mmCIF file of all heavy atoms, coordinates in Angstrom:
data_MODEL
# 
_entry.id   MODEL 
# 
loop_
_atom_site.group_PDB 
_atom_site.id 
_atom_site.type_symbol 
_atom_site.label_atom_id 
_atom_site.label_alt_id 
_atom_site.label_comp_id 
_atom_site.label_asym_id 
_atom_site.label_entity_id 
_atom_site.label_seq_id 
_atom_site.pdbx_PDB_ins_code 
_atom_site.Cartn_x 
_atom_site.Cartn_y 
_atom_site.Cartn_z 
_atom_site.occupancy 
_atom_site.B_iso_or_equiv 
_atom_site.pdbx_formal_charge 
_atom_site.auth_seq_id 
_atom_site.auth_comp_id 
_atom_site.auth_asym_id 
_atom_site.auth_atom_id 
_atom_site.pdbx_PDB_model_num 
ATOM 1   N N   . THR A 1 1  ? -32.479 40.295 92.798  1.00 0.00 ? 1  THR A N   1 
ATOM 2   C CA  . THR A 1 1  ? -31.103 40.250 93.269  1.00 0.00 ? 1  THR A CA  1 
ATOM 3   C C   . THR A 1 1  ? -31.013 39.989 94.777  1.00 0.00 ? 1  THR A C   1 
ATOM 4   O O   . THR A 1 1  ? -30.060 40.350 95.432  1.00 0.00 ? 1  THR A O   1 
ATOM 5   C CB  . THR A 1 1  ? -30.423 41.589 92.968  1.00 0.00 ? 1  THR A CB  1 
ATOM 6   O OG1 . THR A 1 1  ? -31.117 42.683 93.587  1.00 0.00 ? 1  THR A OG1 1 
ATOM 7   C CG2 . THR A 1 1  ? -30.293 41.851 91.481  1.00 0.00 ? 1  THR A CG2 1 
ATOM 8   N N   . ALA A 1 2  ? -32.066 39.323 95.299  1.00 0.00 ? 2  ALA A N   1 
ATOM 9   C CA  . ALA A 1 2  ? -32.114 39.065 96.737  1.00 0.00 ? 2  ALA A CA  1 
ATOM 10  C C   . ALA A 1 2  ? -31.289 37.851 97.166  1.00 0.00 ? 2  ALA A C   1 
ATOM 11  O O   . ALA A 1 2  ? -31.074 37.612 98.349  1.00 0.00 ? 2  ALA A O   1 
ATOM 12  C CB  . ALA A 1 2  ? -33.552 38.868 97.178  1.00 0.00 ? 2  ALA A CB  1 
ATOM 13  N N   . THR A 1 3  ? -30.835 37.082 96.170  1.00 0.00 ? 3  THR A N   1 
ATOM 14  C CA  . THR A 1 3  ? -30.032 35.895 96.467  1.00 0.00 ? 3  THR A CA  1 
ATOM 15  C C   . THR A 1 3  ? -28.728 36.020 95.665  1.00 0.00 ? 3  THR A C   1 
ATOM 16  O O   . THR A 1 3  ? -28.578 37.015 94.937  1.00 0.00 ? 3  THR A O   1 
ATOM 17  C CB  . THR A 1 3  ? -30.728 34.586 96.040  1.00 0.00 ? 3  THR A CB  1 
ATOM 18  O OG1 . THR A 1 3  ? -30.816 34.514 94.625  1.00 0.00 ? 3  THR A OG1 1 
ATOM 19  C CG2 . THR A 1 3  ? -32.183 34.599 96.635  1.00 0.00 ? 3  THR A CG2 1 
ATOM 20  N N   . PRO A 1 4  ? -27.801 35.079 95.698  1.00 0.00 ? 4  PRO A N   1 
ATOM 21  C CA  . PRO A 1 4  ? -26.618 35.146 94.849  1.00 0.00 ? 4  PRO A CA  1 
ATOM 22  C C   . PRO A 1 4  ? -26.907 35.140 93.331  1.00 0.00 ? 4  PRO A C   1 
ATOM 23  O O   . PRO A 1 4  ? -26.042 35.540 92.552  1.00 0.00 ? 4  PRO A O   1 
ATOM 24  C CB  . PRO A 1 4  ? -25.859 33.893 95.236  1.00 0.00 ? 4  PRO A CB  1 
ATOM 25  C CG  . PRO A 1 4  ? -26.221 33.642 96.636  1.00 0.00 ? 4  PRO A CG  1 
ATOM 26  C CD  . PRO A 1 4  ? -27.704 33.978 96.715  1.00 0.00 ? 4  PRO A CD  1 
ATOM 27  N N   . ALA A 1 5  ? -28.118 34.777 92.933  1.00 0.00 ? 5  ALA A N   1 
ATOM 28  C CA  . ALA A 1 5  ? -28.495 34.767 91.509  1.00 0.00 ? 5  ALA A CA  1 
ATOM 29  C C   . ALA A 1 5  ? -28.907 36.168 91.054  1.00 0.00 ? 5  ALA A C   1 
ATOM 30  O O   . ALA A 1 5  ? -29.793 36.774 91.651  1.00 0.00 ? 5  ALA A O   1 
ATOM 31  C CB  . ALA A 1 5  ? -29.615 33.787 91.272  1.00 0.00 ? 5  ALA A CB  1 
ATOM 32  N N   . VAL A 1 6  ? -28.224 36.678 90.040  1.00 0.00 ? 6  VAL A N   1 
ATOM 33  C CA  . VAL A 1 6  ? -28.620 37.920 89.388  1.00 0.00 ? 6  VAL A CA  1 
ATOM 34  C C   . VAL A 1 6  ? -29.458 37.479 88.218  1.00 0.00 ? 6  VAL A C   1 
ATOM 35  O O   . VAL A 1 6  ? -28.906 36.958 87.228  1.00 0.00 ? 6  VAL A O   1 
ATOM 36  C CB  . VAL A 1 6  ? -27.385 38.735 88.955  1.00 0.00 ? 6  VAL A CB  1 
ATOM 37  C CG1 . VAL A 1 6  ? -27.838 40.025 88.288  1.00 0.00 ? 6  VAL A CG1 1 
ATOM 38  C CG2 . VAL A 1 6  ? -26.501 39.002 90.140  1.00 0.00 ? 6  VAL A CG2 1 
ATOM 39  N N   . THR A 1 7  ? -30.732 37.674 88.293  1.00 0.00 ? 7  THR A N   1 
ATOM 40  C CA  . THR A 1 7  ? -31.658 37.034 87.304  1.00 0.00 ? 7  THR A CA  1 
ATOM 41  C C   . THR A 1 7  ? -32.650 38.020 86.738  1.00 0.00 ? 7  THR A C   1 
ATOM 42  O O   . THR A 1 7  ? -33.212 38.831 87.463  1.00 0.00 ? 7  THR A O   1 
ATOM 43  C CB  . THR A 1 7  ? -32.309 35.784 87.960  1.00 0.00 ? 7  THR A CB  1 
ATOM 44  O OG1 . THR A 1 7  ? -33.193 35.172 87.031  1.00 0.00 ? 7  THR A OG1 1 
ATOM 45  C CG2 . THR A 1 7  ? -33.084 36.184 89.207  1.00 0.00 ? 7  THR A CG2 1 
ATOM 46  N N   . VAL A 1 8  ? -32.848 37.918 85.422  1.00 0.00 ? 8  VAL A N   1 
ATOM 47  C CA  . VAL A 1 8  ? -33.733 38.857 84.704  1.00 0.00 ? 8  VAL A CA  1 
ATOM 48  C C   . VAL A 1 8  ? -34.503 38.048 83.667  1.00 0.00 ? 8  VAL A C   1 
ATOM 49  O O   . VAL A 1 8  ? -33.994 37.087 83.076  1.00 0.00 ? 8  VAL A O   1 
ATOM 50  C CB  . VAL A 1 8  ? -32.895 39.926 83.939  1.00 0.00 ? 8  VAL A CB  1 
ATOM 51  C CG1 . VAL A 1 8  ? -33.774 40.866 83.107  1.00 0.00 ? 8  VAL A CG1 1 
ATOM 52  C CG2 . VAL A 1 8  ? -32.053 40.760 84.929  1.00 0.00 ? 8  VAL A CG2 1 
ATOM 53  N N   . ALA A 1 9  ? -35.761 38.456 83.382  1.00 0.00 ? 9  ALA A N   1 
ATOM 54  C CA  . ALA A 1 9  ? -36.540 37.753 82.403  1.00 0.00 ? 9  ALA A CA  1 
ATOM 55  C C   . ALA A 1 9  ? -37.581 38.676 81.813  1.00 0.00 ? 9  ALA A C   1 
ATOM 56  O O   . ALA A 1 9  ? -37.957 39.705 82.440  1.00 0.00 ? 9  ALA A O   1 
ATOM 57  C CB  . ALA A 1 9  ? -37.259 36.532 83.000  1.00 0.00 ? 9  ALA A CB  1 
ATOM 58  N N   . LEU A 1 10 ? -38.032 38.397 80.599  1.00 0.00 ? 10 LEU A N   1 
ATOM 59  C CA  . LEU A 1 10 ? -39.143 39.063 79.967  1.00 0.00 ? 10 LEU A CA  1 
ATOM 60  C C   . LEU A 1 10 ? -40.256 38.068 79.739  1.00 0.00 ? 10 LEU A C   1 
ATOM 61  O O   . LEU A 1 10 ? -40.039 36.910 79.336  1.00 0.00 ? 10 LEU A O   1 
ATOM 62  C CB  . LEU A 1 10 ? -38.721 39.611 78.588  1.00 0.00 ? 10 LEU A CB  1 
ATOM 63  C CG  . LEU A 1 10 ? -37.804 40.870 78.566  1.00 0.00 ? 10 LEU A CG  1 
ATOM 64  C CD1 . LEU A 1 10 ? -37.308 41.096 77.172  1.00 0.00 ? 10 LEU A CD1 1 
ATOM 65  C CD2 . LEU A 1 10 ? -38.504 42.090 79.053  1.00 0.00 ? 10 LEU A CD2 1 
ATOM 66  N N   . HIS A 1 11 ? -41.521 38.505 80.010  1.00 0.00 ? 11 HIS A N   1 
ATOM 67  C CA  . HIS A 1 11 ? -42.682 37.645 79.895  1.00 0.00 ? 11 HIS A CA  1 
ATOM 68  C C   . HIS A 1 11 ? -43.753 38.402 79.202  1.00 0.00 ? 11 HIS A C   1 
ATOM 69  O O   . HIS A 1 11 ? -44.060 39.568 79.518  1.00 0.00 ? 11 HIS A O   1 
ATOM 70  C CB  . HIS A 1 11 ? -43.140 37.229 81.269  1.00 0.00 ? 11 HIS A CB  1 
ATOM 71  C CG  . HIS A 1 11 ? -44.109 36.021 81.311  1.00 0.00 ? 11 HIS A CG  1 
ATOM 72  N ND1 . HIS A 1 11 ? -45.369 36.106 80.803  1.00 0.00 ? 11 HIS A ND1 1 
ATOM 73  C CD2 . HIS A 1 11 ? -43.917 34.761 81.731  1.00 0.00 ? 11 HIS A CD2 1 
ATOM 74  C CE1 . HIS A 1 11 ? -45.946 34.947 80.951  1.00 0.00 ? 11 HIS A CE1 1 
ATOM 75  N NE2 . HIS A 1 11 ? -45.091 34.110 81.536  1.00 0.00 ? 11 HIS A NE2 1 
ATOM 76  N N   . ASP A 1 12 ? -44.353 37.809 78.126  1.00 0.00 ? 12 ASP A N   1 
ATOM 77  C CA  . ASP A 1 12 ? -45.326 38.543 77.335  1.00 0.00 ? 12 ASP A CA  1 
ATOM 78  C C   . ASP A 1 12 ? -46.768 38.280 77.733  1.00 0.00 ? 12 ASP A C   1 
ATOM 79  O O   . ASP A 1 12 ? -47.727 38.610 77.014  1.00 0.00 ? 12 ASP A O   1 
ATOM 80  C CB  . ASP A 1 12 ? -45.176 38.185 75.838  1.00 0.00 ? 12 ASP A CB  1 
ATOM 81  C CG  . ASP A 1 12 ? -45.483 36.743 75.501  1.00 0.00 ? 12 ASP A CG  1 
ATOM 82  O OD1 . ASP A 1 12 ? -45.873 35.965 76.407  1.00 0.00 ? 12 ASP A OD1 1 
ATOM 83  O OD2 . ASP A 1 12 ? -45.284 36.360 74.334  1.00 0.00 ? 12 ASP A OD2 1 
ATOM 84  N N   . GLY A 1 13 ? -46.962 37.699 78.900  1.00 0.00 ? 13 GLY A N   1 
ATOM 85  C CA  . GLY A 1 13 ? -48.292 37.381 79.383  1.00 0.00 ? 13 GLY A CA  1 
ATOM 86  C C   . GLY A 1 13 ? -48.699 35.954 79.152  1.00 0.00 ? 13 GLY A C   1 
ATOM 87  O O   . GLY A 1 13 ? -49.629 35.452 79.778  1.00 0.00 ? 13 GLY A O   1 
ATOM 88  N N   . GLU A 1 14 ? -48.004 35.278 78.219  1.00 0.00 ? 14 GLU A N   1 
ATOM 89  C CA  . GLU A 1 14 ? -48.268 33.885 77.919  1.00 0.00 ? 14 GLU A CA  1 
ATOM 90  C C   . GLU A 1 14 ? -47.109 33.006 78.204  1.00 0.00 ? 14 GLU A C   1 
ATOM 91  O O   . GLU A 1 14 ? -47.225 31.851 78.547  1.00 0.00 ? 14 GLU A O   1 
ATOM 92  C CB  . GLU A 1 14 ? -48.789 33.727 76.504  1.00 0.00 ? 14 GLU A CB  1 
ATOM 93  C CG  . GLU A 1 14 ? -50.092 34.442 76.207  1.00 0.00 ? 14 GLU A CG  1 
ATOM 94  C CD  . GLU A 1 14 ? -50.630 34.149 74.800  1.00 0.00 ? 14 GLU A CD  1 
ATOM 95  O OE1 . GLU A 1 14 ? -49.968 33.382 74.086  1.00 0.00 ? 14 GLU A OE1 1 
ATOM 96  O OE2 . GLU A 1 14 ? -51.719 34.672 74.457  1.00 0.00 ? 14 GLU A OE2 1 
ATOM 97  N N   . ALA A 1 15 ? -45.904 33.548 77.960  1.00 0.00 ? 15 ALA A N   1 
ATOM 98  C CA  . ALA A 1 15 ? -44.692 32.734 78.085  1.00 0.00 ? 15 ALA A CA  1 
ATOM 99  C C   . ALA A 1 15 ? -43.469 33.639 78.309  1.00 0.00 ? 15 ALA A C   1 
ATOM 100 O O   . ALA A 1 15 ? -43.491 34.835 78.009  1.00 0.00 ? 15 ALA A O   1 
ATOM 101 C CB  . ALA A 1 15 ? -44.462 31.892 76.886  1.00 0.00 ? 15 ALA A CB  1 
ATOM 102 N N   . VAL A 1 16 ? -42.438 33.097 78.824  1.00 0.00 ? 16 VAL A N   1 
ATOM 103 C CA  . VAL A 1 16 ? -41.134 33.758 78.958  1.00 0.00 ? 16 VAL A CA  1 
ATOM 104 C C   . VAL A 1 16 ? -40.540 33.846 77.552  1.00 0.00 ? 16 VAL A C   1 
ATOM 105 O O   . VAL A 1 16 ? -40.414 32.877 76.844  1.00 0.00 ? 16 VAL A O   1 
ATOM 106 C CB  . VAL A 1 16 ? -40.177 33.029 79.902  1.00 0.00 ? 16 VAL A CB  1 
ATOM 107 C CG1 . VAL A 1 16 ? -38.819 33.638 79.894  1.00 0.00 ? 16 VAL A CG1 1 
ATOM 108 C CG2 . VAL A 1 16 ? -40.746 33.005 81.340  1.00 0.00 ? 16 VAL A CG2 1 
ATOM 109 N N   . VAL A 1 17 ? -40.135 35.060 77.144  1.00 0.00 ? 17 VAL A N   1 
ATOM 110 C CA  . VAL A 1 17 ? -39.568 35.255 75.837  1.00 0.00 ? 17 VAL A CA  1 
ATOM 111 C C   . VAL A 1 17 ? -38.062 35.388 75.885  1.00 0.00 ? 17 VAL A C   1 
ATOM 112 O O   . VAL A 1 17 ? -37.418 35.162 74.830  1.00 0.00 ? 17 VAL A O   1 
ATOM 113 C CB  . VAL A 1 17 ? -40.194 36.499 75.152  1.00 0.00 ? 17 VAL A CB  1 
ATOM 114 C CG1 . VAL A 1 17 ? -41.671 36.246 74.869  1.00 0.00 ? 17 VAL A CG1 1 
ATOM 115 C CG2 . VAL A 1 17 ? -39.980 37.770 75.927  1.00 0.00 ? 17 VAL A CG2 1 
ATOM 116 N N   . ALA A 1 18 ? -37.485 35.652 77.034  1.00 0.00 ? 18 ALA A N   1 
ATOM 117 C CA  . ALA A 1 18 ? -36.017 35.711 77.146  1.00 0.00 ? 18 ALA A CA  1 
ATOM 118 C C   . ALA A 1 18 ? -35.667 35.722 78.661  1.00 0.00 ? 18 ALA A C   1 
ATOM 119 O O   . ALA A 1 18 ? -36.434 36.281 79.455  1.00 0.00 ? 18 ALA A O   1 
ATOM 120 C CB  . ALA A 1 18 ? -35.420 36.900 76.436  1.00 0.00 ? 18 ALA A CB  1 
ATOM 121 N N   . SER A 1 19 ? -34.541 35.162 79.038  1.00 0.00 ? 19 SER A N   1 
ATOM 122 C CA  . SER A 1 19 ? -34.158 35.208 80.413  1.00 0.00 ? 19 SER A CA  1 
ATOM 123 C C   . SER A 1 19 ? -32.609 35.104 80.541  1.00 0.00 ? 19 SER A C   1 
ATOM 124 O O   . SER A 1 19 ? -31.961 34.635 79.630  1.00 0.00 ? 19 SER A O   1 
ATOM 125 C CB  . SER A 1 19 ? -34.801 34.035 81.196  1.00 0.00 ? 19 SER A CB  1 
ATOM 126 O OG  . SER A 1 19 ? -34.361 32.792 80.739  1.00 0.00 ? 19 SER A OG  1 
ATOM 127 N N   . SER A 1 20 ? -32.117 35.528 81.688  1.00 0.00 ? 20 SER A N   1 
ATOM 128 C CA  . SER A 1 20 ? -30.666 35.418 81.965  1.00 0.00 ? 20 SER A CA  1 
ATOM 129 C C   . SER A 1 20 ? -30.474 35.296 83.472  1.00 0.00 ? 20 SER A C   1 
ATOM 130 O O   . SER A 1 20 ? -31.171 35.975 84.263  1.00 0.00 ? 20 SER A O   1 
ATOM 131 C CB  . SER A 1 20 ? -29.986 36.715 81.517  1.00 0.00 ? 20 SER A CB  1 
ATOM 132 O OG  . SER A 1 20 ? -28.626 36.794 81.948  1.00 0.00 ? 20 SER A OG  1 
ATOM 133 N N   . SER A 1 21 ? -29.608 34.356 83.875  1.00 0.00 ? 21 SER A N   1 
ATOM 134 C CA  . SER A 1 21 ? -29.304 34.161 85.295  1.00 0.00 ? 21 SER A CA  1 
ATOM 135 C C   . SER A 1 21 ? -27.857 33.892 85.443  1.00 0.00 ? 21 SER A C   1 
ATOM 136 O O   . SER A 1 21 ? -27.274 33.065 84.741  1.00 0.00 ? 21 SER A O   1 
ATOM 137 C CB  . SER A 1 21 ? -30.130 32.999 85.859  1.00 0.00 ? 21 SER A CB  1 
ATOM 138 O OG  . SER A 1 21 ? -31.498 33.332 85.938  1.00 0.00 ? 21 SER A OG  1 
ATOM 139 N N   . GLN A 1 22 ? -27.209 34.609 86.375  1.00 0.00 ? 22 GLN A N   1 
ATOM 140 C CA  . GLN A 1 22 ? -25.813 34.360 86.723  1.00 0.00 ? 22 GLN A CA  1 
ATOM 141 C C   . GLN A 1 22 ? -25.728 34.353 88.255  1.00 0.00 ? 22 GLN A C   1 
ATOM 142 O O   . GLN A 1 22 ? -26.308 35.177 88.955  1.00 0.00 ? 22 GLN A O   1 
ATOM 143 C CB  . GLN A 1 22 ? -24.923 35.498 86.217  1.00 0.00 ? 22 GLN A CB  1 
ATOM 144 C CG  . GLN A 1 22 ? -24.869 35.618 84.686  1.00 0.00 ? 22 GLN A CG  1 
ATOM 145 C CD  . GLN A 1 22 ? -24.208 36.872 84.240  1.00 0.00 ? 22 GLN A CD  1 
ATOM 146 O OE1 . GLN A 1 22 ? -24.839 37.882 84.079  1.00 0.00 ? 22 GLN A OE1 1 
ATOM 147 N NE2 . GLN A 1 22 ? -22.888 36.789 83.997  1.00 0.00 ? 22 GLN A NE2 1 
ATOM 148 N N   . VAL A 1 23 ? -25.003 33.379 88.780  1.00 0.00 ? 23 VAL A N   1 
ATOM 149 C CA  . VAL A 1 23 ? -24.857 33.210 90.204  1.00 0.00 ? 23 VAL A CA  1 
ATOM 150 C C   . VAL A 1 23 ? -23.539 33.865 90.635  1.00 0.00 ? 23 VAL A C   1 
ATOM 151 O O   . VAL A 1 23 ? -22.480 33.308 90.311  1.00 0.00 ? 23 VAL A O   1 
ATOM 152 C CB  . VAL A 1 23 ? -24.961 31.800 90.665  1.00 0.00 ? 23 VAL A CB  1 
ATOM 153 C CG1 . VAL A 1 23 ? -24.728 31.648 92.159  1.00 0.00 ? 23 VAL A CG1 1 
ATOM 154 C CG2 . VAL A 1 23 ? -26.296 31.171 90.225  1.00 0.00 ? 23 VAL A CG2 1 
ATOM 155 N N   . ASP A 1 24 ? -23.630 35.006 91.327  1.00 0.00 ? 24 ASP A N   1 
ATOM 156 C CA  . ASP A 1 24 ? -22.406 35.689 91.799  1.00 0.00 ? 24 ASP A CA  1 
ATOM 157 C C   . ASP A 1 24 ? -22.840 36.627 92.916  1.00 0.00 ? 24 ASP A C   1 
ATOM 158 O O   . ASP A 1 24 ? -23.402 37.687 92.687  1.00 0.00 ? 24 ASP A O   1 
ATOM 159 C CB  . ASP A 1 24 ? -21.755 36.460 90.655  1.00 0.00 ? 24 ASP A CB  1 
ATOM 160 C CG  . ASP A 1 24 ? -20.374 36.990 91.003  1.00 0.00 ? 24 ASP A CG  1 
ATOM 161 O OD1 . ASP A 1 24 ? -20.162 37.304 92.175  1.00 0.00 ? 24 ASP A OD1 1 
ATOM 162 O OD2 . ASP A 1 24 ? -19.495 37.042 90.164  1.00 0.00 ? 24 ASP A OD2 1 
ATOM 163 N N   . ALA A 1 25 ? -22.544 36.225 94.115  1.00 0.00 ? 25 ALA A N   1 
ATOM 164 C CA  . ALA A 1 25 ? -23.049 36.956 95.321  1.00 0.00 ? 25 ALA A CA  1 
ATOM 165 C C   . ALA A 1 25 ? -22.421 38.324 95.465  1.00 0.00 ? 25 ALA A C   1 
ATOM 166 O O   . ALA A 1 25 ? -22.940 39.124 96.229  1.00 0.00 ? 25 ALA A O   1 
ATOM 167 C CB  . ALA A 1 25 ? -22.789 36.117 96.529  1.00 0.00 ? 25 ALA A CB  1 
ATOM 168 N N   . ARG A 1 26 ? -21.349 38.602 94.771  1.00 0.00 ? 26 ARG A N   1 
ATOM 169 C CA  . ARG A 1 26 ? -20.647 39.879 95.017  1.00 0.00 ? 26 ARG A CA  1 
ATOM 170 C C   . ARG A 1 26 ? -20.733 40.905 93.852  1.00 0.00 ? 26 ARG A C   1 
ATOM 171 O O   . ARG A 1 26 ? -20.115 41.960 93.900  1.00 0.00 ? 26 ARG A O   1 
ATOM 172 C CB  . ARG A 1 26 ? -19.180 39.589 95.275  1.00 0.00 ? 26 ARG A CB  1 
ATOM 173 C CG  . ARG A 1 26 ? -18.951 38.776 96.528  1.00 0.00 ? 26 ARG A CG  1 
ATOM 174 C CD  . ARG A 1 26 ? -17.471 38.545 96.820  1.00 0.00 ? 26 ARG A CD  1 
ATOM 175 N NE  . ARG A 1 26 ? -17.255 37.740 98.022  1.00 0.00 ? 26 ARG A NE  1 
ATOM 176 C CZ  . ARG A 1 26 ? -17.274 38.187 99.245  1.00 0.00 ? 26 ARG A CZ  1 
ATOM 177 N NH1 . ARG A 1 26 ? -17.471 39.497 99.483  1.00 0.00 ? 26 ARG A NH1 1 
ATOM 178 N NH2 . ARG A 1 26 ? -17.053 37.396 100.273 1.00 0.00 ? 26 ARG A NH2 1 
# 
């Protein structure tokens, strides 16, 4: 959350299995 992007992901050690990103600085 260090930038306007609120971003989250899950990684199983080999690949990203799910992710979410929303750009909202406030």
